[in-house]
C-alpha atoms as a PDB file:
ATOM      1  CA  UNK A   1     121.437-126.119  18.011  1.00  0.00           C
ATOM      2  CA  UNK A   2     123.656-125.847  15.010  1.00  0.00           C
ATOM      3  CA  UNK A   3     125.887-123.338  16.819  1.00  0.00           C
ATOM      4  CA  UNK A   4     126.340-125.644  19.845  1.00  0.00           C
ATOM      5  CA  UNK A   5     127.357-128.537  17.630  1.00  0.00           C
ATOM      6  CA  UNK A   6     129.907-126.347  15.858  1.00  0.00           C
ATOM      7  CA  UNK A   7     131.392-125.236  19.234  1.00  0.00           C
ATOM      8  CA  UNK A   8     131.789-128.854  20.395  1.00  0.00           C
ATOM      9  CA  UNK A   9     133.598-129.816  17.225  1.00  0.00           C
ATOM     10  CA  UNK A  10     136.014-126.908  17.476  1.00  0.00           C
ATOM     11  CA  UNK A  11     136.660-127.584  21.154  1.00  0.00           C
ATOM     12  CA  UNK A  12     137.355-131.221  20.333  1.00  0.00           C
ATOM     13  CA  UNK A  13     139.835-130.222  17.645  1.00  0.00           C
ATOM     14  CA  UNK A  14     141.608-127.856  20.002  1.00  0.00           C
ATOM     15  CA  UNK A  15     142.044-130.660  22.524  1.00  0.00           C
ATOM     16  CA  UNK A  16     143.425-132.912  19.840  1.00  0.00           C
ATOM     17  CA  UNK A  17     145.909-130.234  18.838  1.00  0.00           C
ATOM     18  CA  UNK A  18     147.132-130.066  22.433  1.00  0.00           C
ATOM     19  CA  UNK A  19     147.755-133.820  22.470  1.00  0.00           C
ATOM     20  CA  UNK A  20     149.474-133.837  19.072  1.00  0.00           C
ATOM     21  CA  UNK A  21     152.010-131.325  20.289  1.00  0.00           C
ATOM     22  CA  UNK A  22     154.727-133.947  21.217  1.00  0.00           C
ATOM     23  CA  UNK A  23     157.927-133.473  23.198  1.00  0.00           C
ATOM     24  CA  UNK A  24     160.188-130.455  23.147  1.00  0.00           C
ATOM     25  CA  UNK A  25     163.851-130.658  22.307  1.00  0.00           C
ATOM     26  CA  UNK A  26     164.815-129.885  25.908  1.00  0.00           C
ATOM     27  CA  UNK A  27     162.691-132.777  27.198  1.00  0.00           C
ATOM     28  CA  UNK A  28     164.302-135.175  24.719  1.00  0.00           C
ATOM     29  CA  UNK A  29     167.816-134.003  25.638  1.00  0.00           C
ATOM     30  CA  UNK A  30     167.043-134.410  29.343  1.00  0.00           C
ATOM     31  CA  UNK A  31     165.937-138.014  28.796  1.00  0.00           C
ATOM     32  CA  UNK A  32     169.089-138.731  26.767  1.00  0.00           C
ATOM     33  CA  UNK A  33     171.321-137.279  29.501  1.00  0.00           C
ATOM     34  CA  UNK A  34     169.607-139.445  32.140  1.00  0.00           C
ATOM     35  CA  UNK A  35     169.974-142.596  29.980  1.00  0.00           C
ATOM     36  CA  UNK A  36     173.642-141.839  29.280  1.00  0.00           C
ATOM     37  CA  UNK A  37     174.317-141.375  33.010  1.00  0.00           C
ATOM     38  CA  UNK A  38     172.609-144.652  33.899  1.00  0.00           C
ATOM     39  CA  UNK A  39     174.518-146.498  31.169  1.00  0.00           C
ATOM     40  CA  UNK A  40     177.858-145.115  32.326  1.00  0.00           C
ATOM     41  CA  UNK A  41     177.170-146.441  35.828  1.00  0.00           C
ATOM     42  CA  UNK A  42     175.983-149.911  34.784  1.00  0.00           C
ATOM     43  CA  UNK A  43     178.293-150.787  31.894  1.00  0.00           C
ATOM     44  CA  UNK A  44     181.608-151.150  33.813  1.00  0.00           C
ATOM     45  CA  UNK A  45     179.960-153.528  36.275  1.00  0.00           C
ATOM     46  CA  UNK A  46     178.665-155.757  33.486  1.00  0.00           C
ATOM     47  CA  UNK A  47     182.085-156.212  31.861  1.00  0.00           C
ATOM     48  CA  UNK A  48     183.609-157.415  35.142  1.00  0.00           C
ATOM     49  CA  UNK A  49     180.661-159.734  35.684  1.00  0.00           C
ATOM     50  CA  UNK A  50     181.365-161.560  32.417  1.00  0.00           C
ATOM     51  CA  UNK A  51     185.023-162.144  33.336  1.00  0.00           C
ATOM     52  CA  UNK A  52     184.131-163.403  36.815  1.00  0.00           C
ATOM     53  CA  UNK A  53     181.451-165.730  35.455  1.00  0.00           C
ATOM     54  CA  UNK A  54     183.892-167.218  32.956  1.00  0.00           C
ATOM     55  CA  UNK A  55     186.492-167.649  35.712  1.00  0.00           C
ATOM     56  CA  UNK A  56     183.966-169.461  37.940  1.00  0.00           C
ATOM     57  CA  UNK A  57     182.971-171.800  35.116  1.00  0.00           C
ATOM     58  CA  UNK A  58     186.592-172.680  34.336  1.00  0.00           C
ATOM     59  CA  UNK A  59     187.464-173.380  37.976  1.00  0.00           C
ATOM     60  CA  UNK A  60     184.372-175.593  38.260  1.00  0.00           C
ATOM     61  CA  UNK A  61     185.552-177.416  35.143  1.00  0.00           C
ATOM     62  CA  UNK A  62     188.921-178.125  36.761  1.00  0.00           C
ATOM     63  CA  UNK A  63     187.228-179.433  39.914  1.00  0.00           C
ATOM     64  CA  UNK A  64     185.127-181.683  37.657  1.00  0.00           C
ATOM     65  CA  UNK A  65     188.365-183.128  36.214  1.00  0.00           C
ATOM     66  CA  UNK A  66     189.551-183.875  39.764  1.00  0.00           C
ATOM     67  CA  UNK A  67     186.250-185.642  40.554  1.00  0.00           C
ATOM     68  CA  UNK A  68     186.391-187.583  37.290  1.00  0.00           C
ATOM     69  CA  UNK A  69     189.920-188.795  38.031  1.00  0.00           C
ATOM     70  CA  UNK A  70     188.850-189.850  41.548  1.00  0.00           C
ATOM     71  CA  UNK A  71     185.906-191.808  40.085  1.00  0.00           C
ATOM     72  CA  UNK A  72     188.188-193.504  37.542  1.00  0.00           C
ATOM     73  CA  UNK A  73     190.524-194.580  40.349  1.00  0.00           C
ATOM     74  CA  UNK A  74     187.615-196.192  42.193  1.00  0.00           C
ATOM     75  CA  UNK A  75     186.054-197.840  39.125  1.00  0.00           C
ATOM     76  CA  UNK A  76     189.278-199.170  37.605  1.00  0.00           C
ATOM     77  CA  UNK A  77     190.775-200.005  41.031  1.00  0.00           C
ATOM     78  CA  UNK A  78     194.061-198.275  40.161  1.00  0.00           C
ATOM     79  CA  UNK A  79     195.969-195.308  41.482  1.00  0.00           C
ATOM     80  CA  UNK A  80     195.361-192.216  39.349  1.00  0.00           C
ATOM     81  CA  UNK A  81     197.416-189.025  39.521  1.00  0.00           C
ATOM     82  CA  UNK A  82     196.985-185.399  38.623  1.00  0.00           C
ATOM     83  CA  UNK A  83     200.012-183.210  38.005  1.00  0.00           C
ATOM     84  CA  UNK A  84     199.734-179.436  37.737  1.00  0.00           C
ATOM     85  CA  UNK A  85     202.716-177.565  36.389  1.00  0.00           C
ATOM     86  CA  UNK A  86     202.286-174.133  37.957  1.00  0.00           C
ATOM     87  CA  UNK A  87     204.900-172.563  35.669  1.00  0.00           C
ATOM     88  CA  UNK A  88     203.663-173.915  32.313  1.00  0.00           C
ATOM     89  CA  UNK A  89     199.985-173.840  33.395  1.00  0.00           C
ATOM     90  CA  UNK A  90     199.283-177.409  32.312  1.00  0.00           C
ATOM     91  CA  UNK A  91     197.228-180.028  34.127  1.00  0.00           C
ATOM     92  CA  UNK A  92     197.982-183.694  33.311  1.00  0.00           C
ATOM     93  CA  UNK A  93     196.148-186.736  34.588  1.00  0.00           C
ATOM     94  CA  UNK A  94     196.109-190.479  34.138  1.00  0.00           C
ATOM     95  CA  UNK A  95     196.795-193.828  35.804  1.00  0.00           C
ATOM     96  CA  UNK A  96     199.907-194.106  37.926  1.00  0.00           C
ATOM     97  CA  UNK A  97     202.404-196.393  36.198  1.00  0.00           C
ATOM     98  CA  UNK A  98     206.128-195.917  36.815  1.00  0.00           C
ATOM     99  CA  UNK A  99     207.227-197.204  33.409  1.00  0.00           C
ATOM    100  CA  UNK A 100     204.677-195.048  31.614  1.00  0.00           C
ATOM    101  CA  UNK A 101     205.655-191.997  33.659  1.00  0.00           C
ATOM    102  CA  UNK A 102     209.317-192.365  32.711  1.00  0.00           C
ATOM    103  CA  UNK A 103     208.521-192.535  28.978  1.00  0.00           C
ATOM    104  CA  UNK A 104     205.572-190.245  28.301  1.00  0.00           C
ATOM    105  CA  UNK A 105     204.377-188.751  31.541  1.00  0.00           C
ATOM    106  CA  UNK A 106     200.713-188.906  32.435  1.00  0.00           C
ATOM    107  CA  UNK A 107     198.071-189.662  29.803  1.00  0.00           C
ATOM    108  CA  UNK A 108     195.801-186.678  29.171  1.00  0.00           C
ATOM    109  CA  UNK A 109     196.720-183.026  29.429  1.00  0.00           C
ATOM    110  CA  UNK A 110     194.675-179.868  29.782  1.00  0.00           C
ATOM    111  CA  UNK A 111     195.973-176.347  29.313  1.00  0.00           C
ATOM    112  CA  UNK A 112     194.705-174.046  32.026  1.00  0.00           C
ATOM    113  CA  UNK A 113     192.478-171.278  30.652  1.00  0.00           C
ATOM    114  CA  UNK A 114     193.504-167.629  30.471  1.00  0.00           C
ATOM    115  CA  UNK A 115     190.917-166.329  32.929  1.00  0.00           C
ATOM    116  CA  UNK A 116     192.806-168.138  35.690  1.00  0.00           C
ATOM    117  CA  UNK A 117     195.561-165.619  36.335  1.00  0.00           C
ATOM    118  CA  UNK A 118     197.551-167.578  38.918  1.00  0.00           C
ATOM    119  CA  UNK A 119     197.451-170.871  40.818  1.00  0.00           C
ATOM    120  CA  UNK A 120     199.036-171.587  44.164  1.00  0.00           C
ATOM    121  CA  UNK A 121     199.475-174.712  46.257  1.00  0.00           C
ATOM    122  CA  UNK A 122     199.401-174.804  50.046  1.00  0.00           C
ATOM    123  CA  UNK A 123     201.758-177.122  51.921  1.00  0.00           C
ATOM    124  CA  UNK A 124     202.941-176.948  55.517  1.00  0.00           C
ATOM    125  CA  UNK A 125     201.381-173.521  56.012  1.00  0.00           C
ATOM    126  CA  UNK A 126     203.135-171.936  53.031  1.00  0.00           C
ATOM    127  CA  UNK A 127     201.799-170.834  49.657  1.00  0.00           C
ATOM    128  CA  UNK A 128     203.785-171.899  46.569  1.00  0.00           C
ATOM    129  CA  UNK A 129     203.370-170.314  43.133  1.00  0.00           C
ATOM    130  CA  UNK A 130     205.808-172.342  41.029  1.00  0.00           C
ATOM    131  CA  UNK A 131     206.898-175.919  40.438  1.00  0.00           C
ATOM    132  CA  UNK A 132     204.926-179.107  39.865  1.00  0.00           C
ATOM    133  CA  UNK A 133     202.209-180.327  42.195  1.00  0.00           C
ATOM    134  CA  UNK A 134     201.070-183.959  42.350  1.00  0.00           C
ATOM    135  CA  UNK A 135     197.760-185.296  43.626  1.00  0.00           C
ATOM    136  CA  UNK A 136     197.034-188.995  43.987  1.00  0.00           C
ATOM    137  CA  UNK A 137     193.655-190.743  44.107  1.00  0.00           C
ATOM    138  CA  UNK A 138     193.619-194.307  45.407  1.00  0.00           C
ATOM    139  CA  UNK A 139     191.425-197.240  44.421  1.00  0.00           C
ATOM    140  CA  UNK A 140     189.441-197.184  47.680  1.00  0.00           C
ATOM    141  CA  UNK A 141     188.406-193.532  47.225  1.00  0.00           C
ATOM    142  CA  UNK A 142     190.902-191.637  49.340  1.00  0.00           C
ATOM    143  CA  UNK A 143     193.493-189.158  48.134  1.00  0.00           C
ATOM    144  CA  UNK A 144     196.816-187.670  49.143  1.00  0.00           C
ATOM    145  CA  UNK A 145     195.016-184.454  50.101  1.00  0.00           C
ATOM    146  CA  UNK A 146     196.013-180.884  49.355  1.00  0.00           C
ATOM    147  CA  UNK A 147     194.748-177.397  48.718  1.00  0.00           C
ATOM    148  CA  UNK A 148     194.877-175.199  45.634  1.00  0.00           C
ATOM    149  CA  UNK A 149     193.906-171.568  45.181  1.00  0.00           C
ATOM    150  CA  UNK A 150     192.873-170.221  41.791  1.00  0.00           C
ATOM    151  CA  UNK A 151     193.229-166.470  41.279  1.00  0.00           C
ATOM    152  CA  UNK A 152     191.023-164.753  38.728  1.00  0.00           C
ATOM    153  CA  UNK A 153     190.114-161.280  37.533  1.00  0.00           C
ATOM    154  CA  UNK A 154     189.524-158.372  39.907  1.00  0.00           C
ATOM    155  CA  UNK A 155     190.976-159.999  43.050  1.00  0.00           C
ATOM    156  CA  UNK A 156     188.614-162.976  42.947  1.00  0.00           C
ATOM    157  CA  UNK A 157     189.835-166.395  44.059  1.00  0.00           C
ATOM    158  CA  UNK A 158     188.561-169.937  44.616  1.00  0.00           C
ATOM    159  CA  UNK A 159     189.966-172.481  47.055  1.00  0.00           C
ATOM    160  CA  UNK A 160     189.835-176.168  46.140  1.00  0.00           C
ATOM    161  CA  UNK A 161     190.474-178.692  48.891  1.00  0.00           C
ATOM    162  CA  UNK A 162     191.112-182.420  48.504  1.00  0.00           C
ATOM    163  CA  UNK A 163     190.225-184.357  51.628  1.00  0.00           C
ATOM    164  CA  UNK A 164     192.831-187.042  52.365  1.00  0.00           C
ATOM    165  CA  UNK A 165     190.578-189.695  53.909  1.00  0.00           C
ATOM    166  CA  UNK A 166     187.458-189.420  51.768  1.00  0.00           C
ATOM    167  CA  UNK A 167     189.093-188.100  48.603  1.00  0.00           C
ATOM    168  CA  UNK A 168     186.310-185.531  48.300  1.00  0.00           C
ATOM    169  CA  UNK A 169     186.979-182.525  46.079  1.00  0.00           C
ATOM    170  CA  UNK A 170     185.531-179.422  47.729  1.00  0.00           C
ATOM    171  CA  UNK A 171     185.362-176.152  45.851  1.00  0.00           C
ATOM    172  CA  UNK A 172     185.015-173.307  48.316  1.00  0.00           C
ATOM    173  CA  UNK A 173     183.058-170.257  47.310  1.00  0.00           C
ATOM    174  CA  UNK A 174     184.660-167.231  45.790  1.00  0.00           C
ATOM    175  CA  UNK A 175     186.968-165.146  47.953  1.00  0.00           C
ATOM    176  CA  UNK A 176     187.604-161.493  47.223  1.00  0.00           C
END
């Protein structure tokens, strides 16, 4: 009986020694090579994702400015304008007043963010990349209409359309 008990204890210890063995250096290196390969495939995609997400947020912010100006025109029952200087990359907006425009220009200004690489305006079937573009919102909700395209990183672009009759600001999904 004593001999059987001693055999069980030694067998148990041998099993424990097998489990305490751990990983070999080759197994650890193989895991590291697999992780490095997976990281090298995923990491470049994540950096472009951040830039595109920032670009989308900034274009949505500009469309929010257009909607805000349209709402102000309706609430205050005045004509409001937005001017985008495509060369200087500045957006200005405020109430339309000829005397005020001659002295100071429009009221508020907003510098276009850096993730927006280029802006173009569509008129009469042509795309323009320079000059100043004006948009008007009238007191009854309509607008002068127009279409802008915002170009961002990695060939991404957004189209923003202003409907002339309703004055609606429509931001079309990303184009690549």
